[in-house]
C-alpha atoms as a PDB file:
ATOM      1  CA  UNK A   1      32.692 126.968 148.060  1.00  0.00           C
ATOM      2  CA  UNK A   2      31.452 129.902 145.971  1.00  0.00           C
ATOM      3  CA  UNK A   3      31.069 129.072 142.271  1.00  0.00           C
ATOM      4  CA  UNK A   4      30.869 132.047 139.855  1.00  0.00           C
ATOM      5  CA  UNK A   5      27.590 132.129 137.951  1.00  0.00           C
ATOM      6  CA  UNK A   6      29.285 131.495 134.597  1.00  0.00           C
ATOM      7  CA  UNK A   7      30.701 128.222 135.938  1.00  0.00           C
ATOM      8  CA  UNK A   8      27.483 126.872 137.428  1.00  0.00           C
ATOM      9  CA  UNK A   9      25.587 124.349 135.322  1.00  0.00           C
ATOM     10  CA  UNK A  10      22.270 125.924 134.333  1.00  0.00           C
ATOM     11  CA  UNK A  11      19.158 124.771 132.531  1.00  0.00           C
ATOM     12  CA  UNK A  12      18.548 127.272 129.725  1.00  0.00           C
ATOM     13  CA  UNK A  13      15.647 127.497 127.270  1.00  0.00           C
ATOM     14  CA  UNK A  14      16.079 129.503 124.076  1.00  0.00           C
ATOM     15  CA  UNK A  15      13.201 130.537 121.825  1.00  0.00           C
ATOM     16  CA  UNK A  16      14.704 130.413 118.358  1.00  0.00           C
ATOM     17  CA  UNK A  17      18.351 129.515 118.584  1.00  0.00           C
ATOM     18  CA  UNK A  18      19.470 129.091 114.957  1.00  0.00           C
ATOM     19  CA  UNK A  19      19.862 132.695 113.806  1.00  0.00           C
ATOM     20  CA  UNK A  20      23.079 134.587 113.137  1.00  0.00           C
ATOM     21  CA  UNK A  21      23.574 135.609 116.765  1.00  0.00           C
ATOM     22  CA  UNK A  22      21.675 132.860 118.542  1.00  0.00           C
ATOM     23  CA  UNK A  23      23.521 129.952 116.898  1.00  0.00           C
ATOM     24  CA  UNK A  24      26.809 131.354 118.222  1.00  0.00           C
ATOM     25  CA  UNK A  25      25.251 131.749 121.667  1.00  0.00           C
ATOM     26  CA  UNK A  26      23.926 128.165 121.475  1.00  0.00           C
ATOM     27  CA  UNK A  27      27.439 126.940 120.780  1.00  0.00           C
ATOM     28  CA  UNK A  28      28.909 128.987 123.628  1.00  0.00           C
ATOM     29  CA  UNK A  29      26.298 127.739 126.088  1.00  0.00           C
ATOM     30  CA  UNK A  30      26.958 124.147 125.049  1.00  0.00           C
ATOM     31  CA  UNK A  31      30.733 124.592 125.263  1.00  0.00           C
ATOM     32  CA  UNK A  32      30.366 125.801 128.840  1.00  0.00           C
ATOM     33  CA  UNK A  33      28.518 122.620 129.734  1.00  0.00           C
ATOM     34  CA  UNK A  34      25.066 124.062 130.400  1.00  0.00           C
ATOM     35  CA  UNK A  35      21.899 122.091 129.719  1.00  0.00           C
ATOM     36  CA  UNK A  36      20.404 123.785 126.668  1.00  0.00           C
ATOM     37  CA  UNK A  37      16.856 123.432 125.387  1.00  0.00           C
ATOM     38  CA  UNK A  38      15.687 125.083 122.168  1.00  0.00           C
ATOM     39  CA  UNK A  39      12.074 125.739 121.204  1.00  0.00           C
ATOM     40  CA  UNK A  40      11.541 126.457 117.520  1.00  0.00           C
ATOM     41  CA  UNK A  41       9.907 125.094 114.379  1.00  0.00           C
ATOM     42  CA  UNK A  42      12.914 122.900 113.570  1.00  0.00           C
ATOM     43  CA  UNK A  43      13.686 124.463 110.197  1.00  0.00           C
ATOM     44  CA  UNK A  44      17.444 124.892 110.691  1.00  0.00           C
ATOM     45  CA  UNK A  45      18.312 122.810 113.730  1.00  0.00           C
ATOM     46  CA  UNK A  46      21.253 121.125 112.021  1.00  0.00           C
ATOM     47  CA  UNK A  47      23.349 124.183 113.027  1.00  0.00           C
ATOM     48  CA  UNK A  48      22.745 123.486 116.728  1.00  0.00           C
ATOM     49  CA  UNK A  49      25.225 121.629 118.959  1.00  0.00           C
ATOM     50  CA  UNK A  50      24.565 117.901 119.116  1.00  0.00           C
ATOM     51  CA  UNK A  51      23.704 117.857 122.822  1.00  0.00           C
ATOM     52  CA  UNK A  52      20.841 120.363 122.569  1.00  0.00           C
ATOM     53  CA  UNK A  53      17.369 119.174 123.530  1.00  0.00           C
ATOM     54  CA  UNK A  54      14.666 120.470 121.202  1.00  0.00           C
ATOM     55  CA  UNK A  55      10.972 121.276 121.388  1.00  0.00           C
ATOM     56  CA  UNK A  56       9.754 121.383 117.781  1.00  0.00           C
ATOM     57  CA  UNK A  57       6.899 123.822 118.216  1.00  0.00           C
ATOM     58  CA  UNK A  58       5.583 127.144 116.989  1.00  0.00           C
ATOM     59  CA  UNK A  59       5.919 129.668 119.834  1.00  0.00           C
ATOM     60  CA  UNK A  60       2.684 131.255 118.592  1.00  0.00           C
ATOM     61  CA  UNK A  61       0.793 128.038 119.429  1.00  0.00           C
ATOM     62  CA  UNK A  62       0.487 128.923 123.088  1.00  0.00           C
ATOM     63  CA  UNK A  63      -1.573 125.883 124.100  1.00  0.00           C
ATOM     64  CA  UNK A  64       0.939 123.478 122.553  1.00  0.00           C
ATOM     65  CA  UNK A  65       3.865 125.257 124.218  1.00  0.00           C
ATOM     66  CA  UNK A  66       2.139 125.185 127.610  1.00  0.00           C
ATOM     67  CA  UNK A  67       1.517 121.470 127.243  1.00  0.00           C
ATOM     68  CA  UNK A  68       5.087 120.697 126.132  1.00  0.00           C
ATOM     69  CA  UNK A  69       6.648 122.681 128.983  1.00  0.00           C
ATOM     70  CA  UNK A  70       4.390 121.278 131.697  1.00  0.00           C
ATOM     71  CA  UNK A  71       6.537 120.295 134.671  1.00  0.00           C
ATOM     72  CA  UNK A  72       9.668 122.084 133.390  1.00  0.00           C
ATOM     73  CA  UNK A  73      11.494 124.910 135.123  1.00  0.00           C
ATOM     74  CA  UNK A  74      14.505 126.817 133.806  1.00  0.00           C
ATOM     75  CA  UNK A  75      17.208 129.019 135.245  1.00  0.00           C
ATOM     76  CA  UNK A  76      16.989 131.202 132.141  1.00  0.00           C
ATOM     77  CA  UNK A  77      14.665 131.725 129.182  1.00  0.00           C
ATOM     78  CA  UNK A  78      16.236 133.609 126.245  1.00  0.00           C
ATOM     79  CA  UNK A  79      13.768 135.097 123.762  1.00  0.00           C
ATOM     80  CA  UNK A  80      15.137 135.710 120.243  1.00  0.00           C
ATOM     81  CA  UNK A  81      11.765 135.775 118.533  1.00  0.00           C
ATOM     82  CA  UNK A  82       9.675 138.547 120.118  1.00  0.00           C
ATOM     83  CA  UNK A  83       9.150 141.717 118.108  1.00  0.00           C
ATOM     84  CA  UNK A  84       5.908 143.289 119.379  1.00  0.00           C
ATOM     85  CA  UNK A  85       4.290 143.945 122.755  1.00  0.00           C
ATOM     86  CA  UNK A  86       1.784 141.184 121.946  1.00  0.00           C
ATOM     87  CA  UNK A  87       4.678 138.715 121.787  1.00  0.00           C
ATOM     88  CA  UNK A  88       5.823 139.912 125.208  1.00  0.00           C
ATOM     89  CA  UNK A  89       2.349 139.444 126.689  1.00  0.00           C
ATOM     90  CA  UNK A  90       2.403 135.874 125.373  1.00  0.00           C
ATOM     91  CA  UNK A  91       5.809 135.241 126.949  1.00  0.00           C
ATOM     92  CA  UNK A  92       4.752 136.627 130.304  1.00  0.00           C
ATOM     93  CA  UNK A  93       1.871 134.141 130.292  1.00  0.00           C
ATOM     94  CA  UNK A  94       4.120 131.273 129.198  1.00  0.00           C
ATOM     95  CA  UNK A  95       7.262 131.804 131.234  1.00  0.00           C
ATOM     96  CA  UNK A  96       6.460 133.757 134.374  1.00  0.00           C
ATOM     97  CA  UNK A  97       6.617 131.186 137.128  1.00  0.00           C
ATOM     98  CA  UNK A  98       8.886 128.704 135.333  1.00  0.00           C
ATOM     99  CA  UNK A  99      12.112 130.740 135.021  1.00  0.00           C
ATOM    100  CA  UNK A 100      14.269 132.862 137.304  1.00  0.00           C
ATOM    101  CA  UNK A 101      15.504 135.080 134.470  1.00  0.00           C
ATOM    102  CA  UNK A 102      13.951 136.169 131.187  1.00  0.00           C
ATOM    103  CA  UNK A 103      16.404 137.596 128.642  1.00  0.00           C
ATOM    104  CA  UNK A 104      14.913 139.729 125.882  1.00  0.00           C
ATOM    105  CA  UNK A 105      16.829 140.530 122.710  1.00  0.00           C
ATOM    106  CA  UNK A 106      16.107 144.143 121.863  1.00  0.00           C
ATOM    107  CA  UNK A 107      18.117 146.362 119.502  1.00  0.00           C
ATOM    108  CA  UNK A 108      20.587 149.219 119.745  1.00  0.00           C
ATOM    109  CA  UNK A 109      18.771 150.817 116.811  1.00  0.00           C
ATOM    110  CA  UNK A 110      16.024 151.818 119.259  1.00  0.00           C
ATOM    111  CA  UNK A 111      18.161 154.595 120.755  1.00  0.00           C
ATOM    112  CA  UNK A 112      16.988 158.155 120.148  1.00  0.00           C
ATOM    113  CA  UNK A 113      17.607 159.523 116.653  1.00  0.00           C
ATOM    114  CA  UNK A 114      19.386 161.783 116.166  1.00  0.00           C
ATOM    115  CA  UNK A 115      21.662 160.632 118.969  1.00  0.00           C
ATOM    116  CA  UNK A 116      22.210 163.222 121.698  1.00  0.00           C
ATOM    117  CA  UNK A 117      25.802 162.119 122.360  1.00  0.00           C
ATOM    118  CA  UNK A 118      28.592 159.726 121.471  1.00  0.00           C
ATOM    119  CA  UNK A 119      29.673 157.195 122.491  1.00  0.00           C
ATOM    120  CA  UNK A 120      26.284 155.588 123.066  1.00  0.00           C
ATOM    121  CA  UNK A 121      25.487 154.601 126.648  1.00  0.00           C
ATOM    122  CA  UNK A 122      22.481 152.724 128.004  1.00  0.00           C
ATOM    123  CA  UNK A 123      21.018 155.865 129.600  1.00  0.00           C
ATOM    124  CA  UNK A 124      20.231 157.425 126.204  1.00  0.00           C
ATOM    125  CA  UNK A 125      16.424 157.399 125.787  1.00  0.00           C
ATOM    126  CA  UNK A 126      14.755 155.109 123.285  1.00  0.00           C
ATOM    127  CA  UNK A 127      13.029 157.068 120.547  1.00  0.00           C
ATOM    128  CA  UNK A 128      13.526 156.104 116.906  1.00  0.00           C
ATOM    129  CA  UNK A 129      10.692 157.662 114.888  1.00  0.00           C
ATOM    130  CA  UNK A 130      11.985 156.318 111.560  1.00  0.00           C
ATOM    131  CA  UNK A 131      11.835 152.549 112.005  1.00  0.00           C
ATOM    132  CA  UNK A 132       8.808 150.560 113.146  1.00  0.00           C
ATOM    133  CA  UNK A 133      11.010 147.596 114.075  1.00  0.00           C
ATOM    134  CA  UNK A 134      12.942 149.729 116.571  1.00  0.00           C
ATOM    135  CA  UNK A 135       9.811 151.376 117.955  1.00  0.00           C
ATOM    136  CA  UNK A 136       8.213 147.985 118.589  1.00  0.00           C
ATOM    137  CA  UNK A 137      11.331 146.788 120.409  1.00  0.00           C
ATOM    138  CA  UNK A 138      11.078 149.877 122.603  1.00  0.00           C
ATOM    139  CA  UNK A 139       7.463 149.041 123.438  1.00  0.00           C
ATOM    140  CA  UNK A 140       8.517 145.473 124.260  1.00  0.00           C
ATOM    141  CA  UNK A 141      11.122 146.760 126.673  1.00  0.00           C
ATOM    142  CA  UNK A 142       8.629 149.046 128.370  1.00  0.00           C
ATOM    143  CA  UNK A 143       6.163 146.213 128.908  1.00  0.00           C
ATOM    144  CA  UNK A 144       8.842 143.937 130.338  1.00  0.00           C
ATOM    145  CA  UNK A 145      10.020 146.567 132.794  1.00  0.00           C
ATOM    146  CA  UNK A 146       6.424 146.812 134.017  1.00  0.00           C
ATOM    147  CA  UNK A 147       6.226 143.024 134.436  1.00  0.00           C
ATOM    148  CA  UNK A 148       9.542 142.382 136.214  1.00  0.00           C
ATOM    149  CA  UNK A 149       9.524 141.358 139.852  1.00  0.00           C
ATOM    150  CA  UNK A 150      11.476 139.186 142.279  1.00  0.00           C
ATOM    151  CA  UNK A 151      10.175 136.014 140.634  1.00  0.00           C
ATOM    152  CA  UNK A 152      10.539 137.192 137.034  1.00  0.00           C
ATOM    153  CA  UNK A 153      13.917 138.887 136.633  1.00  0.00           C
ATOM    154  CA  UNK A 154      14.268 140.625 133.283  1.00  0.00           C
ATOM    155  CA  UNK A 155      17.519 141.253 131.417  1.00  0.00           C
ATOM    156  CA  UNK A 156      17.358 143.331 128.234  1.00  0.00           C
ATOM    157  CA  UNK A 157      20.183 143.007 125.697  1.00  0.00           C
ATOM    158  CA  UNK A 158      20.581 145.454 122.819  1.00  0.00           C
ATOM    159  CA  UNK A 159      22.887 144.135 120.084  1.00  0.00           C
ATOM    160  CA  UNK A 160      23.903 146.333 117.203  1.00  0.00           C
ATOM    161  CA  UNK A 161      25.090 145.127 113.783  1.00  0.00           C
ATOM    162  CA  UNK A 162      26.264 141.549 114.353  1.00  0.00           C
ATOM    163  CA  UNK A 163      27.733 139.437 111.566  1.00  0.00           C
ATOM    164  CA  UNK A 164      29.087 135.961 110.795  1.00  0.00           C
ATOM    165  CA  UNK A 165      30.998 134.298 107.943  1.00  0.00           C
ATOM    166  CA  UNK A 166      27.932 134.338 105.687  1.00  0.00           C
ATOM    167  CA  UNK A 167      26.800 137.965 105.975  1.00  0.00           C
ATOM    168  CA  UNK A 168      27.633 140.794 103.620  1.00  0.00           C
ATOM    169  CA  UNK A 169      27.437 144.174 105.329  1.00  0.00           C
ATOM    170  CA  UNK A 170      25.946 146.936 103.173  1.00  0.00           C
ATOM    171  CA  UNK A 171      23.588 149.822 103.802  1.00  0.00           C
ATOM    172  CA  UNK A 172      21.574 149.019 100.686  1.00  0.00           C
ATOM    173  CA  UNK A 173      21.360 145.220 100.438  1.00  0.00           C
ATOM    174  CA  UNK A 174      19.021 142.922  98.467  1.00  0.00           C
ATOM    175  CA  UNK A 175      17.601 139.680  99.793  1.00  0.00           C
ATOM    176  CA  UNK A 176      19.808 137.750  97.347  1.00  0.00           C
ATOM    177  CA  UNK A 177      23.169 138.946  98.633  1.00  0.00           C
ATOM    178  CA  UNK A 178      25.128 137.528  95.724  1.00  0.00           C
ATOM    179  CA  UNK A 179      23.569 140.277  93.602  1.00  0.00           C
ATOM    180  CA  UNK A 180      26.179 142.688  94.949  1.00  0.00           C
ATOM    181  CA  UNK A 181      29.057 140.202  94.745  1.00  0.00           C
ATOM    182  CA  UNK A 182      28.204 139.641  91.083  1.00  0.00           C
ATOM    183  CA  UNK A 183      28.144 143.387  90.470  1.00  0.00           C
ATOM    184  CA  UNK A 184      31.610 143.738  91.952  1.00  0.00           C
ATOM    185  CA  UNK A 185      32.908 140.833  89.863  1.00  0.00           C
ATOM    186  CA  UNK A 186      31.448 142.470  86.752  1.00  0.00           C
ATOM    187  CA  UNK A 187      33.004 145.843  87.733  1.00  0.00           C
ATOM    188  CA  UNK A 188      29.573 147.461  87.992  1.00  0.00           C
ATOM    189  CA  UNK A 189      29.248 150.344  90.480  1.00  0.00           C
ATOM    190  CA  UNK A 190      28.252 149.813  94.101  1.00  0.00           C
ATOM    191  CA  UNK A 191      26.237 152.488  95.902  1.00  0.00           C
ATOM    192  CA  UNK A 192      27.281 153.933  99.242  1.00  0.00           C
ATOM    193  CA  UNK A 193      24.880 156.497 100.720  1.00  0.00           C
ATOM    194  CA  UNK A 194      26.191 160.027 101.210  1.00  0.00           C
ATOM    195  CA  UNK A 195      29.974 160.274 101.605  1.00  0.00           C
ATOM    196  CA  UNK A 196      30.510 156.879 103.238  1.00  0.00           C
ATOM    197  CA  UNK A 197      32.304 158.402 106.217  1.00  0.00           C
ATOM    198  CA  UNK A 198      29.717 157.492 108.853  1.00  0.00           C
ATOM    199  CA  UNK A 199      31.340 155.366 111.567  1.00  0.00           C
ATOM    200  CA  UNK A 200      29.692 152.000 112.131  1.00  0.00           C
ATOM    201  CA  UNK A 201      30.301 149.378 114.816  1.00  0.00           C
ATOM    202  CA  UNK A 202      30.446 145.739 113.713  1.00  0.00           C
ATOM    203  CA  UNK A 203      30.323 142.799 116.121  1.00  0.00           C
ATOM    204  CA  UNK A 204      31.353 139.227 115.309  1.00  0.00           C
ATOM    205  CA  UNK A 205      28.719 136.762 116.511  1.00  0.00           C
ATOM    206  CA  UNK A 206      31.154 134.568 118.443  1.00  0.00           C
ATOM    207  CA  UNK A 207      32.680 137.601 120.173  1.00  0.00           C
ATOM    208  CA  UNK A 208      29.204 138.659 121.250  1.00  0.00           C
ATOM    209  CA  UNK A 209      28.359 135.145 122.464  1.00  0.00           C
ATOM    210  CA  UNK A 210      31.143 135.185 125.055  1.00  0.00           C
ATOM    211  CA  UNK A 211      29.840 138.261 126.851  1.00  0.00           C
ATOM    212  CA  UNK A 212      26.200 137.363 126.305  1.00  0.00           C
ATOM    213  CA  UNK A 213      26.528 133.988 127.989  1.00  0.00           C
ATOM    214  CA  UNK A 214      28.066 135.686 131.044  1.00  0.00           C
ATOM    215  CA  UNK A 215      24.742 137.494 131.561  1.00  0.00           C
ATOM    216  CA  UNK A 216      22.803 134.243 131.912  1.00  0.00           C
ATOM    217  CA  UNK A 217      22.086 133.351 135.520  1.00  0.00           C
ATOM    218  CA  UNK A 218      24.034 136.446 136.565  1.00  0.00           C
ATOM    219  CA  UNK A 219      22.236 138.259 139.380  1.00  0.00           C
ATOM    220  CA  UNK A 220      24.174 141.439 138.519  1.00  0.00           C
ATOM    221  CA  UNK A 221      22.293 141.418 135.201  1.00  0.00           C
ATOM    222  CA  UNK A 222      18.832 140.939 136.711  1.00  0.00           C
ATOM    223  CA  UNK A 223      16.351 143.706 135.955  1.00  0.00           C
ATOM    224  CA  UNK A 224      18.889 145.695 133.987  1.00  0.00           C
ATOM    225  CA  UNK A 225      19.679 146.739 130.416  1.00  0.00           C
ATOM    226  CA  UNK A 226      22.908 146.289 128.445  1.00  0.00           C
ATOM    227  CA  UNK A 227      23.871 146.995 124.900  1.00  0.00           C
ATOM    228  CA  UNK A 228      26.321 144.364 123.725  1.00  0.00           C
ATOM    229  CA  UNK A 229      28.510 145.346 120.789  1.00  0.00           C
ATOM    230  CA  UNK A 230      32.202 145.361 119.973  1.00  0.00           C
ATOM    231  CA  UNK A 231      34.811 148.107 120.060  1.00  0.00           C
ATOM    232  CA  UNK A 232      35.515 147.639 116.326  1.00  0.00           C
ATOM    233  CA  UNK A 233      34.463 150.680 114.278  1.00  0.00           C
ATOM    234  CA  UNK A 234      34.697 151.239 110.513  1.00  0.00           C
ATOM    235  CA  UNK A 235      33.454 153.754 107.996  1.00  0.00           C
ATOM    236  CA  UNK A 236      31.105 152.452 105.318  1.00  0.00           C
ATOM    237  CA  UNK A 237      33.817 153.172 102.762  1.00  0.00           C
ATOM    238  CA  UNK A 238      36.172 150.877 104.703  1.00  0.00           C
ATOM    239  CA  UNK A 239      33.535 148.162 105.000  1.00  0.00           C
ATOM    240  CA  UNK A 240      32.825 148.074 101.270  1.00  0.00           C
ATOM    241  CA  UNK A 241      36.546 148.307 100.491  1.00  0.00           C
ATOM    242  CA  UNK A 242      37.037 145.072 102.467  1.00  0.00           C
ATOM    243  CA  UNK A 243      34.973 143.178  99.859  1.00  0.00           C
ATOM    244  CA  UNK A 244      36.958 144.600  96.965  1.00  0.00           C
ATOM    245  CA  UNK A 245      40.163 143.654  98.777  1.00  0.00           C
ATOM    246  CA  UNK A 246      38.844 140.113  99.268  1.00  0.00           C
ATOM    247  CA  UNK A 247      38.107 139.899  95.533  1.00  0.00           C
ATOM    248  CA  UNK A 248      41.380 141.643  94.590  1.00  0.00           C
ATOM    249  CA  UNK A 249      39.402 144.090  92.456  1.00  0.00           C
ATOM    250  CA  UNK A 250      39.711 147.860  92.179  1.00  0.00           C
ATOM    251  CA  UNK A 251      36.649 149.513  93.744  1.00  0.00           C
ATOM    252  CA  UNK A 252      33.920 151.059  91.628  1.00  0.00           C
ATOM    253  CA  UNK A 253      31.847 153.076  94.082  1.00  0.00           C
ATOM    254  CA  UNK A 254      29.301 155.807  93.585  1.00  0.00           C
ATOM    255  CA  UNK A 255      28.251 157.983  96.526  1.00  0.00           C
ATOM    256  CA  UNK A 256      24.604 159.068  96.353  1.00  0.00           C
ATOM    257  CA  UNK A 257      22.704 161.206  98.897  1.00  0.00           C
ATOM    258  CA  UNK A 258      20.279 159.241 101.023  1.00  0.00           C
ATOM    259  CA  UNK A 259      17.282 161.378 100.105  1.00  0.00           C
ATOM    260  CA  UNK A 260      17.904 160.623  96.425  1.00  0.00           C
ATOM    261  CA  UNK A 261      18.274 156.878  97.137  1.00  0.00           C
ATOM    262  CA  UNK A 262      14.975 156.764  99.011  1.00  0.00           C
ATOM    263  CA  UNK A 263      13.075 157.933  95.932  1.00  0.00           C
ATOM    264  CA  UNK A 264      14.027 154.597  94.360  1.00  0.00           C
ATOM    265  CA  UNK A 265      14.196 152.432  97.504  1.00  0.00           C
ATOM    266  CA  UNK A 266      11.612 153.847  99.924  1.00  0.00           C
ATOM    267  CA  UNK A 267      11.526 150.569 101.874  1.00  0.00           C
ATOM    268  CA  UNK A 268      14.997 151.399 103.248  1.00  0.00           C
ATOM    269  CA  UNK A 269      13.868 154.617 104.946  1.00  0.00           C
ATOM    270  CA  UNK A 270      13.691 153.117 108.426  1.00  0.00           C
ATOM    271  CA  UNK A 271      16.943 151.224 108.119  1.00  0.00           C
ATOM    272  CA  UNK A 272      18.893 154.194 106.732  1.00  0.00           C
ATOM    273  CA  UNK A 273      17.405 157.201 108.522  1.00  0.00           C
ATOM    274  CA  UNK A 274      16.755 155.246 111.689  1.00  0.00           C
ATOM    275  CA  UNK A 275      20.044 153.398 111.902  1.00  0.00           C
ATOM    276  CA  UNK A 276      22.778 152.991 109.301  1.00  0.00           C
ATOM    277  CA  UNK A 277      23.238 156.643 108.370  1.00  0.00           C
ATOM    278  CA  UNK A 278      24.192 157.636 111.919  1.00  0.00           C
ATOM    279  CA  UNK A 279      27.544 157.255 113.644  1.00  0.00           C
ATOM    280  CA  UNK A 280      27.243 154.254 115.963  1.00  0.00           C
ATOM    281  CA  UNK A 281      30.023 154.123 118.561  1.00  0.00           C
ATOM    282  CA  UNK A 282      29.254 152.356 121.819  1.00  0.00           C
ATOM    283  CA  UNK A 283      30.581 152.567 125.348  1.00  0.00           C
ATOM    284  CA  UNK A 284      30.568 148.903 126.425  1.00  0.00           C
ATOM    285  CA  UNK A 285      31.849 149.532 129.943  1.00  0.00           C
ATOM    286  CA  UNK A 286      28.553 148.539 131.574  1.00  0.00           C
ATOM    287  CA  UNK A 287      28.422 145.052 130.089  1.00  0.00           C
ATOM    288  CA  UNK A 288      32.157 144.602 130.613  1.00  0.00           C
ATOM    289  CA  UNK A 289      31.632 145.252 134.327  1.00  0.00           C
ATOM    290  CA  UNK A 290      29.410 142.157 134.679  1.00  0.00           C
ATOM    291  CA  UNK A 291      30.654 139.930 131.828  1.00  0.00           C
ATOM    292  CA  UNK A 292      34.216 138.752 132.537  1.00  0.00           C
ATOM    293  CA  UNK A 293      34.451 136.874 129.226  1.00  0.00           C
ATOM    294  CA  UNK A 294      33.465 139.869 127.064  1.00  0.00           C
ATOM    295  CA  UNK A 295      35.425 139.885 123.797  1.00  0.00           C
ATOM    296  CA  UNK A 296      36.049 142.395 121.045  1.00  0.00           C
ATOM    297  CA  UNK A 297      38.771 140.683 119.050  1.00  0.00           C
ATOM    298  CA  UNK A 298      37.615 140.002 115.501  1.00  0.00           C
ATOM    299  CA  UNK A 299      38.179 142.476 112.671  1.00  0.00           C
ATOM    300  CA  UNK A 300      35.536 142.542 109.946  1.00  0.00           C
ATOM    301  CA  UNK A 301      37.970 142.715 106.979  1.00  0.00           C
ATOM    302  CA  UNK A 302      39.352 139.331 108.083  1.00  0.00           C
ATOM    303  CA  UNK A 303      35.866 137.815 108.043  1.00  0.00           C
ATOM    304  CA  UNK A 304      34.964 139.586 104.773  1.00  0.00           C
ATOM    305  CA  UNK A 305      37.408 137.264 102.989  1.00  0.00           C
ATOM    306  CA  UNK A 306      35.496 134.261 104.370  1.00  0.00           C
ATOM    307  CA  UNK A 307      32.158 135.823 103.402  1.00  0.00           C
ATOM    308  CA  UNK A 308      33.249 136.279  99.795  1.00  0.00           C
ATOM    309  CA  UNK A 309      34.634 132.728  99.703  1.00  0.00           C
ATOM    310  CA  UNK A 310      31.337 131.458 101.128  1.00  0.00           C
ATOM    311  CA  UNK A 311      29.443 132.855  98.145  1.00  0.00           C
ATOM    312  CA  UNK A 312      32.000 131.903  95.515  1.00  0.00           C
ATOM    313  CA  UNK A 313      32.316 128.316  96.759  1.00  0.00           C
ATOM    314  CA  UNK A 314      28.567 127.622  97.002  1.00  0.00           C
ATOM    315  CA  UNK A 315      26.843 127.841  93.590  1.00  0.00           C
ATOM    316  CA  UNK A 316      23.407 127.393  95.169  1.00  0.00           C
ATOM    317  CA  UNK A 317      23.863 130.808  96.812  1.00  0.00           C
ATOM    318  CA  UNK A 318      24.642 132.572  93.549  1.00  0.00           C
ATOM    319  CA  UNK A 319      21.160 133.891  92.873  1.00  0.00           C
ATOM    320  CA  UNK A 320      20.471 137.418  91.725  1.00  0.00           C
ATOM    321  CA  UNK A 321      17.579 139.718  92.597  1.00  0.00           C
ATOM    322  CA  UNK A 322      16.969 141.076  89.090  1.00  0.00           C
ATOM    323  CA  UNK A 323      14.248 143.534  90.124  1.00  0.00           C
ATOM    324  CA  UNK A 324      16.499 144.998  92.811  1.00  0.00           C
ATOM    325  CA  UNK A 325      19.358 145.314  90.350  1.00  0.00           C
ATOM    326  CA  UNK A 326      17.154 147.024  87.772  1.00  0.00           C
ATOM    327  CA  UNK A 327      16.134 149.642  90.325  1.00  0.00           C
ATOM    328  CA  UNK A 328      19.754 149.912  91.470  1.00  0.00           C
ATOM    329  CA  UNK A 329      20.950 150.596  87.921  1.00  0.00           C
ATOM    330  CA  UNK A 330      18.155 153.122  87.371  1.00  0.00           C
ATOM    331  CA  UNK A 331      19.137 154.913  90.578  1.00  0.00           C
ATOM    332  CA  UNK A 332      22.769 155.164  89.481  1.00  0.00           C
ATOM    333  CA  UNK A 333      21.896 156.233  85.926  1.00  0.00           C
ATOM    334  CA  UNK A 334      19.470 158.930  87.035  1.00  0.00           C
ATOM    335  CA  UNK A 335      21.890 160.244  89.647  1.00  0.00           C
ATOM    336  CA  UNK A 336      24.722 160.490  87.123  1.00  0.00           C
ATOM    337  CA  UNK A 337      22.444 162.191  84.592  1.00  0.00           C
ATOM    338  CA  UNK A 338      21.465 164.697  87.266  1.00  0.00           C
ATOM    339  CA  UNK A 339      25.062 165.649  88.026  1.00  0.00           C
END
């Protein structure tokens, strides 16, 4: 009797596994009854399902990984922790010969900027000159496509902006996220670049996990490329408004041109010019055609309420990046004085 690939029990190895996207995928894989192994440094493994088998190793210690995996084979290896072509070369040495399918997590930010068309489809070339992160992911993809063969089937997945119940979504965001929550509570202004009307796709991590897991062990996904996002699109004004609604506070927003912002926050050049300042609407028909459990159900404003509650209910998260806020206030003051 034929058993669809998503119902077969597979042995899956994930490199990483505890990040915002990968923890949701770990849970989905476990819920479907697959045998899941995770290789990481063990720093956050309490978020993993209880039945996961772990290799507590540093993927960069190639000799130790080779020794630990001796005698193992896997239906799928999922790589969440490769960012440069050198990382891909390492993985080819480690995993070619012990897995049928290698799944690489790339990024939708690697698509050509400015975009030649909307909605975004997988045939748009990769060429983002603004962001080194995106360029390196492109180089990783190119190396993998050179290495693929009948014994090493490569699947490339390009997520876009994926969130969970702990993640604030802003274009200009400090490392200590509560900094912006505190500003809103204190009625201080929040910056939105330009007019805030750029359309931005947001994907809930558990929605993504449903379609992603369908790609694992799926021969229709072998040696192919898929972006995997949702069909939920918001303007940046709507996204920021969702936090004010969650706090039941009237918004205090200042719109500032990106070029002016970058004089004060040059480290955001790649992220803004290479990603978040462009309309990002995706045609997901390709992944839908091979992933029967694809979902796009969750609305970000519903999760925004949980995000705000997450910060307000956990005092240990209520830290403020004072240097960021000083620059932020200087940016706003100088912009208003210029007007």
